[in-house]
Amino acid sequence: MAKLRIRPGLSPEPEESADLLYAKFMSGLADPTRLRIVRFLIDGPRSVGEIVEHLGMSQSRVSNHLACLKWCGYVDTERQGRSIIYRITDRRIRKILELAQAVVGENAAHIAACTRIDLEA
């Protein structure tokens, strides 16, 4: 596996290992709502209103997830008039999702039967 490279000025706390950073990154996509948001944004920038409508959730709940995604670097924002537009920050996120979809497709029965990982808890 390639070495972890951290941009200047964004270094983690000394006790945060590369494994912890990878785990935190993957956790951002582990939440079903955040994953749905990222998948929706893969097709192009969207306003908060469009995201809320697509998900059928309250604006406050969606905004909370968007704040998490922005803080961790998955999405970025741009103001257009009175609207805030969200977009994916890095096109490699699309590739991550495509690879995950392929792996899930090949292992769907095993993943569905897994009792060790419970996202409902």
N, C-alpha and C. Protein backbone atom coordinates (compact mmCIF):
# COMPACT_ATOMS: atom_id res chain seq x y z
N MET A 1 0.85 -1.18 0.00
CA MET A 1 0.00 0.00 0.00
C MET A 1 0.89 1.24 0.00
N ALA A 2 0.47 2.27 -0.71
CA ALA A 2 1.25 3.50 -0.80
C ALA A 2 1.31 4.19 0.55
N LYS A 3 2.40 4.93 0.74
CA LYS A 3 2.54 5.68 1.98
C LYS A 3 1.52 6.81 2.03
N LEU A 4 1.09 7.12 3.22
CA LEU A 4 0.16 8.22 3.42
C LEU A 4 0.90 9.53 3.24
N ARG A 5 0.36 10.40 2.39
CA ARG A 5 0.92 11.74 2.22
C ARG A 5 -0.11 12.74 2.73
N ILE A 6 0.34 13.64 3.56
CA ILE A 6 -0.55 14.64 4.14
C ILE A 6 -0.11 16.01 3.66
N ARG A 7 -1.07 16.79 3.18
CA ARG A 7 -0.75 18.12 2.69
C ARG A 7 -0.24 18.99 3.83
N PRO A 8 0.71 19.88 3.53
CA PRO A 8 1.24 20.79 4.56
C PRO A 8 0.12 21.57 5.22
N GLY A 9 0.25 21.75 6.51
CA GLY A 9 -0.73 22.51 7.27
C GLY A 9 -1.92 21.70 7.71
N LEU A 10 -2.03 20.45 7.26
CA LEU A 10 -3.17 19.61 7.60
C LEU A 10 -2.73 18.33 8.29
N SER A 11 -1.58 18.36 8.92
CA SER A 11 -1.07 17.13 9.54
C SER A 11 -1.94 16.73 10.72
N PRO A 12 -2.07 15.42 10.92
CA PRO A 12 -2.90 14.91 12.02
C PRO A 12 -2.18 15.05 13.35
N GLU A 13 -2.94 14.84 14.41
CA GLU A 13 -2.34 14.80 15.72
C GLU A 13 -1.32 13.67 15.75
N PRO A 14 -0.27 13.79 16.54
CA PRO A 14 0.78 12.76 16.55
C PRO A 14 0.28 11.34 16.79
N GLU A 15 -0.76 11.19 17.62
CA GLU A 15 -1.22 9.83 17.92
C GLU A 15 -2.10 9.24 16.82
N GLU A 16 -2.46 10.04 15.82
CA GLU A 16 -3.30 9.52 14.74
C GLU A 16 -2.43 8.85 13.69
N SER A 17 -2.52 7.55 13.64
CA SER A 17 -1.75 6.79 12.67
C SER A 17 -2.42 6.82 11.31
N ALA A 18 -1.70 6.34 10.31
CA ALA A 18 -2.27 6.25 8.97
C ALA A 18 -3.51 5.36 8.98
N ASP A 19 -3.47 4.27 9.75
CA ASP A 19 -4.63 3.37 9.82
C ASP A 19 -5.86 4.10 10.34
N LEU A 20 -5.68 4.93 11.36
CA LEU A 20 -6.80 5.67 11.93
C LEU A 20 -7.34 6.67 10.91
N LEU A 21 -6.46 7.33 10.18
CA LEU A 21 -6.91 8.28 9.17
C LEU A 21 -7.69 7.58 8.06
N TYR A 22 -7.20 6.43 7.61
CA TYR A 22 -7.93 5.67 6.60
C TYR A 22 -9.30 5.24 7.14
N ALA A 23 -9.33 4.78 8.39
CA ALA A 23 -10.59 4.34 8.98
C ALA A 23 -11.58 5.51 9.07
N LYS A 24 -11.10 6.68 9.46
CA LYS A 24 -11.97 7.85 9.54
C LYS A 24 -12.48 8.22 8.15
N PHE A 25 -11.60 8.16 7.16
CA PHE A 25 -12.02 8.47 5.79
C PHE A 25 -13.12 7.53 5.34
N MET A 26 -12.93 6.24 5.55
CA MET A 26 -13.93 5.26 5.13
C MET A 26 -15.22 5.41 5.94
N SER A 27 -15.12 5.82 7.19
CA SER A 27 -16.31 6.02 8.02
C SER A 27 -17.21 7.12 7.45
N GLY A 28 -16.59 8.08 6.80
CA GLY A 28 -17.38 9.14 6.16
C GLY A 28 -18.34 8.59 5.13
N LEU A 29 -17.94 7.52 4.48
CA LEU A 29 -18.80 6.90 3.47
C LEU A 29 -19.62 5.75 4.04
N ALA A 30 -19.38 5.39 5.28
CA ALA A 30 -20.08 4.25 5.89
C ALA A 30 -21.49 4.60 6.32
N ASP A 31 -21.77 5.86 6.52
CA ASP A 31 -23.12 6.27 6.90
C ASP A 31 -24.01 6.27 5.66
N PRO A 32 -25.15 5.59 5.70
CA PRO A 32 -26.00 5.51 4.51
C PRO A 32 -26.44 6.86 3.96
N THR A 33 -26.74 7.81 4.82
CA THR A 33 -27.17 9.13 4.33
C THR A 33 -26.02 9.85 3.65
N ARG A 34 -24.85 9.84 4.27
CA ARG A 34 -23.71 10.51 3.63
C ARG A 34 -23.34 9.83 2.32
N LEU A 35 -23.44 8.52 2.27
CA LEU A 35 -23.15 7.81 1.02
C LEU A 35 -24.15 8.20 -0.07
N ARG A 36 -25.41 8.31 0.29
CA ARG A 36 -26.42 8.73 -0.69
C ARG A 36 -26.14 10.14 -1.20
N ILE A 37 -25.70 11.02 -0.30
CA ILE A 37 -25.37 12.39 -0.70
C ILE A 37 -24.20 12.38 -1.68
N VAL A 38 -23.15 11.66 -1.34
CA VAL A 38 -21.97 11.61 -2.20
C VAL A 38 -22.33 11.02 -3.56
N ARG A 39 -23.11 9.94 -3.56
CA ARG A 39 -23.51 9.33 -4.83
C ARG A 39 -24.35 10.29 -5.67
N PHE A 40 -25.19 11.09 -5.03
CA PHE A 40 -26.01 12.07 -5.75
C PHE A 40 -25.12 13.18 -6.34
N LEU A 41 -24.10 13.58 -5.59
CA LEU A 41 -23.21 14.65 -6.05
C LEU A 41 -22.22 14.20 -7.11
N ILE A 42 -22.03 12.91 -7.26
CA ILE A 42 -21.12 12.40 -8.29
C ILE A 42 -21.57 12.86 -9.67
N ASP A 43 -22.88 13.00 -9.87
CA ASP A 43 -23.40 13.40 -11.17
C ASP A 43 -23.31 14.91 -11.41
N GLY A 44 -22.89 15.66 -10.42
CA GLY A 44 -22.72 17.10 -10.61
C GLY A 44 -23.10 17.87 -9.37
N PRO A 45 -22.72 19.14 -9.34
CA PRO A 45 -23.02 20.01 -8.19
C PRO A 45 -24.52 20.14 -7.98
N ARG A 46 -24.91 20.27 -6.71
CA ARG A 46 -26.32 20.39 -6.34
C ARG A 46 -26.48 21.38 -5.21
N SER A 47 -27.63 22.02 -5.18
CA SER A 47 -27.95 22.91 -4.07
C SER A 47 -28.44 22.08 -2.89
N VAL A 48 -28.43 22.70 -1.72
CA VAL A 48 -28.94 22.02 -0.53
C VAL A 48 -30.39 21.61 -0.75
N GLY A 49 -31.17 22.49 -1.35
CA GLY A 49 -32.58 22.18 -1.61
C GLY A 49 -32.74 20.96 -2.49
N GLU A 50 -31.91 20.84 -3.51
CA GLU A 50 -31.98 19.66 -4.39
C GLU A 50 -31.62 18.39 -3.63
N ILE A 51 -30.63 18.48 -2.77
CA ILE A 51 -30.20 17.32 -1.99
C ILE A 51 -31.30 16.92 -1.02
N VAL A 52 -31.89 17.90 -0.34
CA VAL A 52 -32.99 17.64 0.60
C VAL A 52 -34.14 16.96 -0.13
N GLU A 53 -34.51 17.50 -1.28
CA GLU A 53 -35.63 16.92 -2.05
C GLU A 53 -35.31 15.49 -2.49
N HIS A 54 -34.10 15.26 -2.96
CA HIS A 54 -33.70 13.93 -3.42
C HIS A 54 -33.75 12.90 -2.29
N LEU A 55 -33.29 13.31 -1.10
CA LEU A 55 -33.24 12.38 0.03
C LEU A 55 -34.57 12.25 0.76
N GLY A 56 -35.42 13.27 0.64
CA GLY A 56 -36.68 13.26 1.36
C GLY A 56 -36.49 13.37 2.87
N MET A 57 -35.50 14.14 3.27
CA MET A 57 -35.18 14.32 4.71
C MET A 57 -35.26 15.81 5.05
N SER A 58 -35.23 16.09 6.32
CA SER A 58 -35.27 17.49 6.76
C SER A 58 -33.98 18.20 6.38
N GLN A 59 -34.09 19.50 6.17
CA GLN A 59 -32.92 20.27 5.81
C GLN A 59 -31.87 20.24 6.91
N SER A 60 -32.30 20.27 8.16
CA SER A 60 -31.33 20.26 9.26
C SER A 60 -30.53 18.96 9.30
N ARG A 61 -31.20 17.85 9.04
CA ARG A 61 -30.50 16.55 9.03
C ARG A 61 -29.52 16.48 7.87
N VAL A 62 -29.95 16.91 6.69
CA VAL A 62 -29.07 16.90 5.52
C VAL A 62 -27.90 17.86 5.74
N SER A 63 -28.17 19.02 6.28
CA SER A 63 -27.11 20.00 6.52
C SER A 63 -26.06 19.46 7.49
N ASN A 64 -26.50 18.71 8.48
CA ASN A 64 -25.56 18.11 9.43
C ASN A 64 -24.62 17.13 8.71
N HIS A 65 -25.18 16.31 7.83
CA HIS A 65 -24.35 15.37 7.08
C HIS A 65 -23.43 16.10 6.10
N LEU A 66 -23.94 17.15 5.46
CA LEU A 66 -23.11 17.93 4.54
C LEU A 66 -21.95 18.59 5.28
N ALA A 67 -22.20 19.06 6.50
CA ALA A 67 -21.13 19.67 7.29
C ALA A 67 -20.03 18.65 7.56
N CYS A 68 -20.42 17.43 7.88
CA CYS A 68 -19.45 16.35 8.11
C CYS A 68 -18.65 16.09 6.84
N LEU A 69 -19.34 15.95 5.72
CA LEU A 69 -18.67 15.68 4.45
C LEU A 69 -17.73 16.81 4.06
N LYS A 70 -18.12 18.04 4.34
CA LYS A 70 -17.26 19.18 4.01
C LYS A 70 -16.04 19.21 4.93
N TRP A 71 -16.26 19.00 6.21
CA TRP A 71 -15.17 19.04 7.18
C TRP A 71 -14.08 18.01 6.83
N CYS A 72 -14.50 16.85 6.38
CA CYS A 72 -13.56 15.76 6.08
C CYS A 72 -13.04 15.80 4.64
N GLY A 73 -13.48 16.78 3.86
CA GLY A 73 -12.90 16.98 2.54
C GLY A 73 -13.54 16.24 1.38
N TYR A 74 -14.70 15.65 1.59
CA TYR A 74 -15.39 14.97 0.49
C TYR A 74 -16.04 15.97 -0.46
N VAL A 75 -16.60 17.03 0.12
CA VAL A 75 -17.32 18.02 -0.68
C VAL A 75 -16.81 19.42 -0.38
N ASP A 76 -17.10 20.32 -1.29
CA ASP A 76 -16.78 21.72 -1.13
C ASP A 76 -18.03 22.52 -1.51
N THR A 77 -18.03 23.78 -1.16
CA THR A 77 -19.20 24.61 -1.44
C THR A 77 -18.83 25.85 -2.23
N GLU A 78 -19.87 26.38 -2.86
CA GLU A 78 -19.75 27.64 -3.59
C GLU A 78 -21.09 28.35 -3.44
N ARG A 79 -21.04 29.62 -3.14
CA ARG A 79 -22.28 30.39 -3.05
C ARG A 79 -22.66 30.90 -4.43
N GLN A 80 -23.90 30.66 -4.80
CA GLN A 80 -24.47 31.18 -6.05
C GLN A 80 -25.73 31.92 -5.68
N GLY A 81 -25.62 33.23 -5.57
CA GLY A 81 -26.76 34.03 -5.12
C GLY A 81 -27.10 33.68 -3.68
N ARG A 82 -28.34 33.25 -3.47
CA ARG A 82 -28.77 32.88 -2.12
C ARG A 82 -28.57 31.39 -1.84
N SER A 83 -28.11 30.64 -2.83
CA SER A 83 -27.96 29.19 -2.68
C SER A 83 -26.51 28.80 -2.40
N ILE A 84 -26.36 27.73 -1.65
CA ILE A 84 -25.07 27.10 -1.44
C ILE A 84 -25.05 25.85 -2.30
N ILE A 85 -24.05 25.75 -3.15
CA ILE A 85 -23.92 24.62 -4.06
C ILE A 85 -22.81 23.70 -3.55
N TYR A 86 -23.13 22.42 -3.45
CA TYR A 86 -22.16 21.41 -3.01
C TYR A 86 -21.67 20.62 -4.21
N ARG A 87 -20.37 20.29 -4.16
CA ARG A 87 -19.77 19.47 -5.22
C ARG A 87 -18.70 18.58 -4.60
N ILE A 88 -18.45 17.46 -5.27
CA ILE A 88 -17.40 16.54 -4.85
C ILE A 88 -16.05 17.24 -5.04
N THR A 89 -15.16 17.11 -4.07
CA THR A 89 -13.88 17.81 -4.13
C THR A 89 -12.84 17.12 -5.01
N ASP A 90 -12.96 15.82 -5.18
CA ASP A 90 -11.91 15.06 -5.87
C ASP A 90 -12.55 13.99 -6.74
N ARG A 91 -12.23 13.99 -8.00
CA ARG A 91 -12.85 13.02 -8.93
C ARG A 91 -12.50 11.57 -8.59
N ARG A 92 -11.46 11.36 -7.78
CA ARG A 92 -11.11 9.99 -7.39
C ARG A 92 -12.17 9.37 -6.49
N ILE A 93 -13.00 10.19 -5.87
CA ILE A 93 -14.08 9.66 -5.04
C ILE A 93 -15.03 8.84 -5.91
N ARG A 94 -15.26 9.27 -7.14
CA ARG A 94 -16.08 8.49 -8.08
C ARG A 94 -15.46 7.11 -8.27
N LYS A 95 -14.16 7.05 -8.44
CA LYS A 95 -13.47 5.78 -8.65
C LYS A 95 -13.60 4.89 -7.41
N ILE A 96 -13.50 5.47 -6.24
CA ILE A 96 -13.66 4.70 -4.99
C ILE A 96 -15.04 4.06 -4.97
N LEU A 97 -16.07 4.84 -5.32
CA LEU A 97 -17.43 4.31 -5.32
C LEU A 97 -17.63 3.25 -6.39
N GLU A 98 -17.01 3.43 -7.55
CA GLU A 98 -17.12 2.42 -8.61
C GLU A 98 -16.47 1.11 -8.18
N LEU A 99 -15.30 1.19 -7.56
CA LEU A 99 -14.61 -0.01 -7.07
C LEU A 99 -15.43 -0.69 -5.98
N ALA A 100 -15.97 0.11 -5.06
CA ALA A 100 -16.79 -0.46 -3.99
C ALA A 100 -18.02 -1.15 -4.56
N GLN A 101 -18.65 -0.53 -5.56
CA GLN A 101 -19.84 -1.13 -6.18
C GLN A 101 -19.50 -2.48 -6.81
N ALA A 102 -18.35 -2.57 -7.44
CA ALA A 102 -17.94 -3.84 -8.06
C ALA A 102 -17.70 -4.92 -7.00
N VAL A 103 -17.04 -4.55 -5.92
CA VAL A 103 -16.77 -5.52 -4.85
C VAL A 103 -18.07 -5.95 -4.19
N VAL A 104 -18.96 -4.99 -3.92
CA VAL A 104 -20.25 -5.31 -3.31
C VAL A 104 -21.05 -6.22 -4.24
N GLY A 105 -21.03 -5.92 -5.52
CA GLY A 105 -21.76 -6.76 -6.47
C GLY A 105 -21.29 -8.20 -6.47
N GLU A 106 -20.01 -8.39 -6.28
CA GLU A 106 -19.46 -9.75 -6.28
C GLU A 106 -19.63 -10.46 -4.94
N ASN A 107 -19.91 -9.70 -3.90
CA ASN A 107 -19.99 -10.28 -2.56
C ASN A 107 -21.29 -9.94 -1.84
N ALA A 108 -22.33 -9.59 -2.58
CA ALA A 108 -23.57 -9.10 -1.99
C ALA A 108 -24.18 -10.07 -0.98
N ALA A 109 -24.21 -11.35 -1.30
CA ALA A 109 -24.82 -12.32 -0.39
C ALA A 109 -24.06 -12.40 0.93
N HIS A 110 -22.74 -12.38 0.86
CA HIS A 110 -21.93 -12.43 2.08
C HIS A 110 -22.12 -11.16 2.92
N ILE A 111 -22.13 -10.03 2.24
CA ILE A 111 -22.29 -8.75 2.94
C ILE A 111 -23.66 -8.68 3.59
N ALA A 112 -24.68 -9.09 2.88
CA ALA A 112 -26.05 -9.07 3.43
C ALA A 112 -26.17 -9.98 4.64
N ALA A 113 -25.46 -11.09 4.64
CA ALA A 113 -25.55 -12.06 5.73
C ALA A 113 -24.63 -11.72 6.90
N CYS A 114 -23.79 -10.72 6.76
CA CYS A 114 -22.83 -10.36 7.81
C CYS A 114 -23.55 -9.92 9.08
N THR A 115 -23.21 -10.54 10.19
CA THR A 115 -23.79 -10.17 11.48
C THR A 115 -22.81 -9.42 12.35
N ARG A 116 -21.61 -9.21 11.89
CA ARG A 116 -20.58 -8.53 12.67
C ARG A 116 -20.62 -7.02 12.52
N ILE A 117 -21.14 -6.55 11.40
CA ILE A 117 -21.25 -5.11 11.16
C ILE A 117 -22.72 -4.76 11.12
N ASP A 118 -23.14 -3.91 12.05
CA ASP A 118 -24.55 -3.53 12.14
C ASP A 118 -24.64 -2.02 12.07
N LEU A 119 -25.06 -1.49 10.93
CA LEU A 119 -25.18 -0.05 10.76
C LEU A 119 -26.40 0.52 11.47
N GLU A 120 -27.31 -0.33 11.87
CA GLU A 120 -28.51 0.14 12.55
C GLU A 120 -28.24 0.48 14.00
N ALA A 121 -27.19 -0.06 14.57
CA ALA A 121 -26.89 0.17 15.99
C ALA A 121 -26.38 1.56 16.24
